[in-house]
Amino acid sequence: MNVTLKLPDDLCREARHRAVDESKSLSAWIADLVASHLRPAAPVHPSLLQALGDETLAEGDLPLPDRRSQPQRPVAFP
């Protein structure tokens, strides 16, 4: 979809430079910027090792994977 934006010249110039720095077109750079505000990144859960060293997580839930939902590998006996 095409959208027309009216930006001050200095702001547009700075945006173009940022886009070039990231090897993107101005349109792609602005689309990424808008998407990052509309769809924030999913929260990153700490690893067990990180959680053990972080006292702020002591009262919170630490999501652990359920091994029953993962495919089981056959065990080979020699």
PDB file of N, CA and C in Angstrom:
ATOM      1  N   MET A   1       0.846  -1.171   0.000  1.00  0.00           N
ATOM      2  CA  MET A   1       0.000   0.000   0.000  1.00  0.00           C
ATOM      3  C   MET A   1       0.892   1.234   0.000  1.00  0.00           C
ATOM      4  N   ASN A   2       0.553   2.188  -0.769  1.00  0.00           N
ATOM      5  CA  ASN A   2       1.305   3.441  -0.815  1.00  0.00           C
ATOM      6  C   ASN A   2       0.711   4.423   0.170  1.00  0.00           C
ATOM      7  N   VAL A   3       1.571   5.107   0.902  1.00  0.00           N
ATOM      8  CA  VAL A   3       1.172   6.109   1.886  1.00  0.00           C
ATOM      9  C   VAL A   3       2.051   7.329   1.663  1.00  0.00           C
ATOM     10  N   THR A   4       1.455   8.493   1.725  1.00  0.00           N
ATOM     11  CA  THR A   4       2.216   9.728   1.596  1.00  0.00           C
ATOM     12  C   THR A   4       2.423  10.319   2.979  1.00  0.00           C
ATOM     13  N   LEU A   5       3.685  10.580   3.316  1.00  0.00           N
ATOM     14  CA  LEU A   5       4.026  11.200   4.596  1.00  0.00           C
ATOM     15  C   LEU A   5       4.631  12.566   4.334  1.00  0.00           C
ATOM     16  N   LYS A   6       4.285  13.523   5.165  1.00  0.00           N
ATOM     17  CA  LYS A   6       4.904  14.841   5.080  1.00  0.00           C
ATOM     18  C   LYS A   6       5.827  14.976   6.276  1.00  0.00           C
ATOM     19  N   LEU A   7       7.121  15.022   5.988  1.00  0.00           N
ATOM     20  CA  LEU A   7       8.136  15.135   7.025  1.00  0.00           C
ATOM     21  C   LEU A   7       8.961  16.388   6.783  1.00  0.00           C
ATOM     22  N   PRO A   8       9.422  17.016   7.855  1.00  0.00           N
ATOM     23  CA  PRO A   8      10.337  18.147   7.675  1.00  0.00           C
ATOM     24  C   PRO A   8      11.600  17.666   6.955  1.00  0.00           C
ATOM     25  N   ASP A   9      12.196  18.551   6.165  1.00  0.00           N
ATOM     26  CA  ASP A   9      13.356  18.181   5.360  1.00  0.00           C
ATOM     27  C   ASP A   9      14.482  17.583   6.196  1.00  0.00           C
ATOM     28  N   ASP A  10      14.791  18.193   7.330  1.00  0.00           N
ATOM     29  CA  ASP A  10      15.902  17.693   8.139  1.00  0.00           C
ATOM     30  C   ASP A  10      15.610  16.313   8.706  1.00  0.00           C
ATOM     31  N   LEU A  11      14.361  16.054   9.076  1.00  0.00           N
ATOM     32  CA  LEU A  11      13.986  14.749   9.597  1.00  0.00           C
ATOM     33  C   LEU A  11      14.052  13.686   8.491  1.00  0.00           C
ATOM     34  N   CYS A  12      13.602  14.045   7.316  1.00  0.00           N
ATOM     35  CA  CYS A  12      13.646  13.112   6.183  1.00  0.00           C
ATOM     36  C   CYS A  12      15.092  12.794   5.814  1.00  0.00           C
ATOM     37  N   ARG A  13      15.941  13.804   5.825  1.00  0.00           N
ATOM     38  CA  ARG A  13      17.356  13.598   5.510  1.00  0.00           C
ATOM     39  C   ARG A  13      18.008  12.656   6.525  1.00  0.00           C
ATOM     40  N   GLU A  14      17.723  12.868   7.810  1.00  0.00           N
ATOM     41  CA  GLU A  14      18.285  12.000   8.857  1.00  0.00           C
ATOM     42  C   GLU A  14      17.760  10.567   8.714  1.00  0.00           C
ATOM     43  N   ALA A  15      16.474  10.428   8.408  1.00  0.00           N
ATOM     44  CA  ALA A  15      15.882   9.097   8.226  1.00  0.00           C
ATOM     45  C   ALA A  15      16.526   8.379   7.043  1.00  0.00           C
ATOM     46  N   ARG A  16      16.762   9.104   5.956  1.00  0.00           N
ATOM     47  CA  ARG A  16      17.412   8.496   4.787  1.00  0.00           C
ATOM     48  C   ARG A  16      18.820   8.000   5.140  1.00  0.00           C
ATOM     49  N   HIS A  17      19.544   8.792   5.915  1.00  0.00           N
ATOM     50  CA  HIS A  17      20.897   8.383   6.314  1.00  0.00           C
ATOM     51  C   HIS A  17      20.845   7.128   7.182  1.00  0.00           C
ATOM     52  N   ARG A  18      19.891   7.073   8.102  1.00  0.00           N
ATOM     53  CA  ARG A  18      19.756   5.880   8.946  1.00  0.00           C
ATOM     54  C   ARG A  18      19.420   4.656   8.098  1.00  0.00           C
ATOM     55  N   ALA A  19      18.536   4.842   7.135  1.00  0.00           N
ATOM     56  CA  ALA A  19      18.154   3.738   6.257  1.00  0.00           C
ATOM     57  C   ALA A  19      19.365   3.240   5.470  1.00  0.00           C
ATOM     58  N   VAL A  20      20.147   4.163   4.932  1.00  0.00           N
ATOM     59  CA  VAL A  20      21.341   3.788   4.170  1.00  0.00           C
ATOM     60  C   VAL A  20      22.332   3.068   5.077  1.00  0.00           C
ATOM     61  N   ASP A  21      22.481   3.541   6.321  1.00  0.00           N
ATOM     62  CA  ASP A  21      23.393   2.889   7.272  1.00  0.00           C
ATOM     63  C   ASP A  21      23.013   1.436   7.520  1.00  0.00           C
ATOM     64  N   GLU A  22      21.713   1.139   7.425  1.00  0.00           N
ATOM     65  CA  GLU A  22      21.229  -0.228   7.634  1.00  0.00           C
ATOM     66  C   GLU A  22      21.008  -0.970   6.314  1.00  0.00           C
ATOM     67  N   SER A  23      21.513  -0.401   5.226  1.00  0.00           N
ATOM     68  CA  SER A  23      21.386  -0.986   3.875  1.00  0.00           C
ATOM     69  C   SER A  23      19.928  -1.254   3.503  1.00  0.00           C
ATOM     70  N   LYS A  24      19.065  -0.283   3.809  1.00  0.00           N
ATOM     71  CA  LYS A  24      17.639  -0.402   3.499  1.00  0.00           C
ATOM     72  C   LYS A  24      17.184   0.823   2.727  1.00  0.00           C
ATOM     73  N   SER A  25      16.066   0.655   2.049  1.00  0.00           N
ATOM     74  CA  SER A  25      15.424   1.816   1.447  1.00  0.00           C
ATOM     75  C   SER A  25      14.722   2.582   2.556  1.00  0.00           C
ATOM     76  N   LEU A  26      14.402   3.832   2.292  1.00  0.00           N
ATOM     77  CA  LEU A  26      13.678   4.633   3.288  1.00  0.00           C
ATOM     78  C   LEU A  26      12.337   3.975   3.601  1.00  0.00           C
ATOM     79  N   SER A  27      11.671   3.456   2.571  1.00  0.00           N
ATOM     80  CA  SER A  27      10.374   2.799   2.778  1.00  0.00           C
ATOM     81  C   SER A  27      10.518   1.573   3.675  1.00  0.00           C
ATOM     82  N   ALA A  28      11.529   0.747   3.436  1.00  0.00           N
ATOM     83  CA  ALA A  28      11.739  -0.452   4.241  1.00  0.00           C
ATOM     84  C   ALA A  28      12.098  -0.074   5.675  1.00  0.00           C
ATOM     85  N   TRP A  29      12.918   0.968   5.837  1.00  0.00           N
ATOM     86  CA  TRP A  29      13.339   1.397   7.169  1.00  0.00           C
ATOM     87  C   TRP A  29      12.143   1.892   7.977  1.00  0.00           C
ATOM     88  N   ILE A  30      11.289   2.697   7.343  1.00  0.00           N
ATOM     89  CA  ILE A  30      10.094   3.207   8.031  1.00  0.00           C
ATOM     90  C   ILE A  30       9.127   2.069   8.322  1.00  0.00           C
ATOM     91  N   ALA A  31       8.971   1.118   7.390  1.00  0.00           N
ATOM     92  CA  ALA A  31       8.089  -0.030   7.628  1.00  0.00           C
ATOM     93  C   ALA A  31       8.571  -0.834   8.833  1.00  0.00           C
ATOM     94  N   ASP A  32       9.897  -1.054   8.939  1.00  0.00           N
ATOM     95  CA  ASP A  32      10.446  -1.770  10.093  1.00  0.00           C
ATOM     96  C   ASP A  32      10.204  -0.998  11.387  1.00  0.00           C
ATOM     97  N   LEU A  33      10.361   0.306  11.328  1.00  0.00           N
ATOM     98  CA  LEU A  33      10.147   1.158  12.499  1.00  0.00           C
ATOM     99  C   LEU A  33       8.696   1.077  12.969  1.00  0.00           C
ATOM    100  N   VAL A  34       7.764   1.166  12.047  1.00  0.00           N
ATOM    101  CA  VAL A  34       6.340   1.082  12.392  1.00  0.00           C
ATOM    102  C   VAL A  34       6.009  -0.313  12.930  1.00  0.00           C
ATOM    103  N   ALA A  35       6.519  -1.346  12.277  1.00  0.00           N
ATOM    104  CA  ALA A  35       6.249  -2.714  12.721  1.00  0.00           C
ATOM    105  C   ALA A  35       6.777  -2.954  14.128  1.00  0.00           C
ATOM    106  N   SER A  36       7.954  -2.391  14.446  1.00  0.00           N
ATOM    107  CA  SER A  36       8.516  -2.600  15.781  1.00  0.00           C
ATOM    108  C   SER A  36       7.658  -1.943  16.860  1.00  0.00           C
ATOM    109  N   HIS A  37       6.927  -0.913  16.503  1.00  0.00           N
ATOM    110  CA  HIS A  37       6.044  -0.262  17.474  1.00  0.00           C
ATOM    111  C   HIS A  37       4.685  -0.949  17.554  1.00  0.00           C
ATOM    112  N   LEU A  38       4.251  -1.536  16.469  1.00  0.00           N
ATOM    113  CA  LEU A  38       2.951  -2.206  16.464  1.00  0.00           C
ATOM    114  C   LEU A  38       3.041  -3.642  16.960  1.00  0.00           C
ATOM    115  N   ARG A  39       4.153  -4.299  16.677  1.00  0.00           N
ATOM    116  CA  ARG A  39       4.358  -5.697  17.064  1.00  0.00           C
ATOM    117  C   ARG A  39       5.649  -5.806  17.862  1.00  0.00           C
ATOM    118  N   PRO A  40       5.588  -5.460  19.146  1.00  0.00           N
ATOM    119  CA  PRO A  40       6.823  -5.550  19.934  1.00  0.00           C
ATOM    120  C   PRO A  40       7.336  -6.977  19.986  1.00  0.00           C
ATOM    121  N   ALA A  41       8.630  -7.111  20.121  1.00  0.00           N
ATOM    122  CA  ALA A  41       9.263  -8.431  20.171  1.00  0.00           C
ATOM    123  C   ALA A  41       8.734  -9.231  21.351  1.00  0.00           C
ATOM    124  N   ALA A  42       8.640 -10.529  21.177  1.00  0.00           N
ATOM    125  CA  ALA A  42       8.189 -11.414  22.249  1.00  0.00           C
ATOM    126  C   ALA A  42       9.202 -11.366  23.392  1.00  0.00           C
ATOM    127  N   PRO A  43       8.712 -11.430  24.629  1.00  0.00           N
ATOM    128  CA  PRO A  43       9.640 -11.396  25.748  1.00  0.00           C
ATOM    129  C   PRO A  43      10.575 -12.604  25.720  1.00  0.00           C
ATOM    130  N   VAL A  44      11.801 -12.371  26.066  1.00  0.00           N
ATOM    131  CA  VAL A  44      12.799 -13.438  26.092  1.00  0.00           C
ATOM    132  C   VAL A  44      12.835 -14.010  27.502  1.00  0.00           C
ATOM    133  N   HIS A  45      12.583 -15.307  27.607  1.00  0.00           N
ATOM    134  CA  HIS A  45      12.637 -15.965  28.902  1.00  0.00           C
ATOM    135  C   HIS A  45      14.083 -16.322  29.205  1.00  0.00           C
ATOM    136  N   PRO A  46      14.488 -16.085  30.440  1.00  0.00           N
ATOM    137  CA  PRO A  46      15.873 -16.405  30.774  1.00  0.00           C
ATOM    138  C   PRO A  46      16.106 -17.902  30.815  1.00  0.00           C
ATOM    139  N   SER A  47      17.355 -18.264  30.618  1.00  0.00           N
ATOM    140  CA  SER A  47      17.698 -19.670  30.759  1.00  0.00           C
ATOM    141  C   SER A  47      17.714 -19.989  32.251  1.00  0.00           C
ATOM    142  N   LEU A  48      17.697 -21.247  32.576  1.00  0.00           N
ATOM    143  CA  LEU A  48      17.724 -21.660  33.972  1.00  0.00           C
ATOM    144  C   LEU A  48      18.989 -21.135  34.646  1.00  0.00           C
ATOM    145  N   LEU A  49      20.098 -21.162  33.934  1.00  0.00           N
ATOM    146  CA  LEU A  49      21.353 -20.676  34.491  1.00  0.00           C
ATOM    147  C   LEU A  49      21.278 -19.185  34.813  1.00  0.00           C
ATOM    148  N   GLN A  50      20.673 -18.405  33.914  1.00  0.00           N
ATOM    149  CA  GLN A  50      20.511 -16.975  34.168  1.00  0.00           C
ATOM    150  C   GLN A  50      19.560 -16.751  35.333  1.00  0.00           C
ATOM    151  N   ALA A  51      18.485 -17.516  35.389  1.00  0.00           N
ATOM    152  CA  ALA A  51      17.490 -17.346  36.444  1.00  0.00           C
ATOM    153  C   ALA A  51      18.075 -17.667  37.816  1.00  0.00           C
ATOM    154  N   LEU A  52      18.961 -18.641  37.889  1.00  0.00           N
ATOM    155  CA  LEU A  52      19.568 -19.000  39.166  1.00  0.00           C
ATOM    156  C   LEU A  52      20.408 -17.857  39.734  1.00  0.00           C
ATOM    157  N   GLY A  53      20.966 -17.046  38.881  1.00  0.00           N
ATOM    158  CA  GLY A  53      21.784 -15.935  39.338  1.00  0.00           C
ATOM    159  C   GLY A  53      21.029 -14.631  39.468  1.00  0.00           C
ATOM    160  N   ASP A  54      19.730 -14.631  39.227  1.00  0.00           N
ATOM    161  CA  ASP A  54      18.937 -13.406  39.255  1.00  0.00           C
ATOM    162  C   ASP A  54      17.883 -13.488  40.351  1.00  0.00           C
ATOM    163  N   GLU A  55      18.108 -12.789  41.468  1.00  0.00           N
ATOM    164  CA  GLU A  55      17.187 -12.847  42.600  1.00  0.00           C
ATOM    165  C   GLU A  55      15.829 -12.232  42.286  1.00  0.00           C
ATOM    166  N   THR A  56      15.748 -11.354  41.275  1.00  0.00           N
ATOM    167  CA  THR A  56      14.465 -10.745  40.942  1.00  0.00           C
ATOM    168  C   THR A  56      13.485 -11.763  40.380  1.00  0.00           C
ATOM    169  N   LEU A  57      13.994 -12.904  39.913  1.00  0.00           N
ATOM    170  CA  LEU A  57      13.124 -13.937  39.359  1.00  0.00           C
ATOM    171  C   LEU A  57      12.673 -14.947  40.412  1.00  0.00           C
ATOM    172  N   ALA A  58      13.086 -14.748  41.654  1.00  0.00           N
ATOM    173  CA  ALA A  58      12.794 -15.729  42.703  1.00  0.00           C
ATOM    174  C   ALA A  58      11.298 -15.925  42.913  1.00  0.00           C
ATOM    175  N   GLU A  59      10.508 -14.892  42.758  1.00  0.00           N
ATOM    176  CA  GLU A  59       9.069 -14.987  42.988  1.00  0.00           C
ATOM    177  C   GLU A  59       8.277 -15.238  41.712  1.00  0.00           C
ATOM    178  N   GLY A  60       8.920 -15.175  40.574  1.00  0.00           N
ATOM    179  CA  GLY A  60       8.198 -15.315  39.308  1.00  0.00           C
ATOM    180  C   GLY A  60       8.199 -16.742  38.789  1.00  0.00           C
ATOM    181  N   ASP A  61       7.403 -16.956  37.767  1.00  0.00           N
ATOM    182  CA  ASP A  61       7.354 -18.258  37.109  1.00  0.00           C
ATOM    183  C   ASP A  61       8.489 -18.361  36.109  1.00  0.00           C
ATOM    184  N   LEU A  62       9.117 -19.493  36.074  1.00  0.00           N
ATOM    185  CA  LEU A  62      10.145 -19.770  35.084  1.00  0.00           C
ATOM    186  C   LEU A  62       9.598 -20.851  34.171  1.00  0.00           C
ATOM    187  N   PRO A  63       9.256 -20.495  32.927  1.00  0.00           N
ATOM    188  CA  PRO A  63       8.684 -21.489  32.029  1.00  0.00           C
ATOM    189  C   PRO A  63       9.712 -22.558  31.666  1.00  0.00           C
ATOM    190  N   LEU A  64       9.392 -23.776  31.988  1.00  0.00           N
ATOM    191  CA  LEU A  64      10.261 -24.903  31.654  1.00  0.00           C
ATOM    192  C   LEU A  64       9.592 -25.736  30.571  1.00  0.00           C
ATOM    193  N   PRO A  65      10.351 -26.256  29.623  1.00  0.00           N
ATOM    194  CA  PRO A  65       9.749 -27.056  28.557  1.00  0.00           C
ATOM    195  C   PRO A  65       9.179 -28.359  29.115  1.00  0.00           C
ATOM    196  N   ASP A  66       8.084 -28.792  28.531  1.00  0.00           N
ATOM    197  CA  ASP A  66       7.459 -30.052  28.914  1.00  0.00           C
ATOM    198  C   ASP A  66       8.029 -31.132  28.003  1.00  0.00           C
ATOM    199  N   ARG A  67       8.812 -32.029  28.569  1.00  0.00           N
ATOM    200  CA  ARG A  67       9.474 -33.057  27.766  1.00  0.00           C
ATOM    201  C   ARG A  67       8.470 -33.993  27.109  1.00  0.00           C
ATOM    202  N   ARG A  68       7.276 -34.110  27.678  1.00  0.00           N
ATOM    203  CA  ARG A  68       6.279 -35.022  27.095  1.00  0.00           C
ATOM    204  C   ARG A  68       5.790 -34.523  25.754  1.00  0.00           C
ATOM    205  N   SER A  69       5.897 -33.224  25.510  1.00  0.00           N
ATOM    206  CA  SER A  69       5.426 -32.680  24.238  1.00  0.00           C
ATOM    207  C   SER A  69       6.494 -32.756  23.148  1.00  0.00           C
ATOM    208  N   GLN A  70       7.712 -33.171  23.505  1.00  0.00           N
ATOM    209  CA  GLN A  70       8.783 -33.279  22.532  1.00  0.00           C
ATOM    210  C   GLN A  70       8.899 -34.720  22.057  1.00  0.00           C
ATOM    211  N   PRO A  71       9.233 -34.912  20.789  1.00  0.00           N
ATOM    212  CA  PRO A  71       9.389 -36.284  20.285  1.00  0.00           C
ATOM    213  C   PRO A  71      10.513 -37.001  21.029  1.00  0.00           C
ATOM    214  N   GLN A  72      10.293 -38.250  21.312  1.00  0.00           N
ATOM    215  CA  GLN A  72      11.280 -39.057  22.026  1.00  0.00           C
ATOM    216  C   GLN A  72      12.206 -39.738  21.031  1.00  0.00           C
ATOM    217  N   ARG A  73      13.502 -39.729  21.330  1.00  0.00           N
ATOM    218  CA  ARG A  73      14.474 -40.420  20.492  1.00  0.00           C
ATOM    219  C   ARG A  73      14.603 -41.846  20.997  1.00  0.00           C
ATOM    220  N   PRO A  74      14.652 -42.798  20.110  1.00  0.00           N
ATOM    221  CA  PRO A  74      14.835 -44.194  20.548  1.00  0.00           C
ATOM    222  C   PRO A  74      16.206 -44.369  21.190  1.00  0.00           C
ATOM    223  N   VAL A  75      16.267 -45.162  22.196  1.00  0.00           N
ATOM    224  CA  VAL A  75      17.525 -45.436  22.893  1.00  0.00           C
ATOM    225  C   VAL A  75      18.094 -46.733  22.349  1.00  0.00           C
ATOM    226  N   ALA A  76      19.345 -46.681  21.914  1.00  0.00           N
ATOM    227  CA  ALA A  76      19.992 -47.875  21.376  1.00  0.00           C
ATOM    228  C   ALA A  76      20.912 -48.455  22.440  1.00  0.00           C
ATOM    229  N   PHE A  77      20.773 -49.721  22.704  1.00  0.00           N
ATOM    230  CA  PHE A  77      21.637 -50.408  23.672  1.00  0.00           C
ATOM    231  C   PHE A  77      22.647 -51.256  22.907  1.00  0.00           C
ATOM    232  N   PRO A  78      23.913 -51.206  23.331  1.00  0.00           N
ATOM    233  CA  PRO A  78      24.935 -51.982  22.607  1.00  0.00           C
ATOM    234  C   PRO A  78      24.832 -53.465  22.875  1.00  0.00           C
TER     235      PRO A  78
END
